């Protein structure tokens, strides 16, 4: 697992999440540990290296 730091798209707090480099492309939803809003994460790894990371709010 790899820890990645980024800003929450809702409250702008710096948070971290553990990412799994064994899965090349991932899209999933995690709640912000500060404001509890859902964040859509889009992640890509190539040969175990993080090549793409995007964290978006979920439009309701």
Protein backbone atom coordinates (compact mmCIF):
# COMPACT_ATOMS: atom_id res chain seq x y z
CA UNK A 1 0.00 0.00 0.00
CA UNK A 2 1.15 3.53 -0.74
CA UNK A 3 0.07 6.60 1.22
CA UNK A 4 -0.91 9.60 -0.92
CA UNK A 5 -1.65 13.11 0.38
CA UNK A 6 -4.09 15.49 -1.33
CA UNK A 7 -6.65 18.21 -0.63
CA UNK A 8 -10.30 17.35 -0.05
CA UNK A 9 -12.42 18.91 -2.85
CA UNK A 10 -15.03 19.95 -0.25
CA UNK A 11 -13.24 21.32 2.83
CA UNK A 12 -9.73 21.72 1.33
CA UNK A 13 -8.12 19.95 4.29
CA UNK A 14 -4.99 17.97 3.50
CA UNK A 15 -5.82 14.29 3.94
CA UNK A 16 -4.16 11.03 3.03
CA UNK A 17 -5.40 7.72 1.72
CA UNK A 18 -3.76 4.38 1.18
CA UNK A 19 -3.59 3.35 -2.47
CA UNK A 20 -3.03 -0.18 -3.77
CA UNK A 21 -0.34 -0.18 -6.51
CA UNK A 22 -1.12 -3.81 -7.44
CA UNK A 23 -4.27 -2.66 -9.32
CA UNK A 24 -3.32 -0.60 -12.39
CA UNK A 25 -6.54 1.45 -12.77
CA UNK A 26 -8.97 2.20 -9.99
CA UNK A 27 -12.13 4.28 -9.50
CA UNK A 28 -13.75 4.27 -6.09
CA UNK A 29 -15.37 6.45 -3.44
CA UNK A 30 -13.94 7.24 -0.02
CA UNK A 31 -15.22 9.66 2.60
CA UNK A 32 -13.07 12.59 3.69
CA UNK A 33 -11.68 11.91 7.16
CA UNK A 34 -12.30 15.57 8.13
CA UNK A 35 -15.70 16.57 6.68
CA UNK A 36 -17.07 13.06 5.86
CA UNK A 37 -18.17 14.02 2.33
CA UNK A 38 -17.75 11.36 -0.41
CA UNK A 39 -14.76 11.78 -2.73
CA UNK A 40 -14.48 10.02 -6.08
CA UNK A 41 -10.90 8.84 -6.57
CA UNK A 42 -9.44 7.96 -9.96
CA UNK A 43 -6.02 6.37 -9.71
CA UNK A 44 -3.60 4.74 -12.15
CA UNK A 45 -0.34 2.92 -11.57
CA UNK A 46 2.25 1.78 -14.06
CA UNK A 47 4.80 -0.78 -12.91
CA UNK A 48 3.94 0.04 -9.29
CA UNK A 49 4.42 3.82 -9.74
CA UNK A 50 1.55 6.28 -9.36
CA UNK A 51 1.00 7.89 -12.78
CA UNK A 52 -2.42 9.50 -12.32
CA UNK A 53 -4.44 10.72 -9.34
CA UNK A 54 -7.68 12.69 -9.33
CA UNK A 55 -9.97 13.45 -6.39
CA UNK A 56 -13.37 14.95 -7.21
CA UNK A 57 -16.47 15.90 -5.31
CA UNK A 58 -19.57 13.92 -6.17
CA UNK A 59 -22.23 16.05 -7.81
CA UNK A 60 -25.55 15.53 -6.12
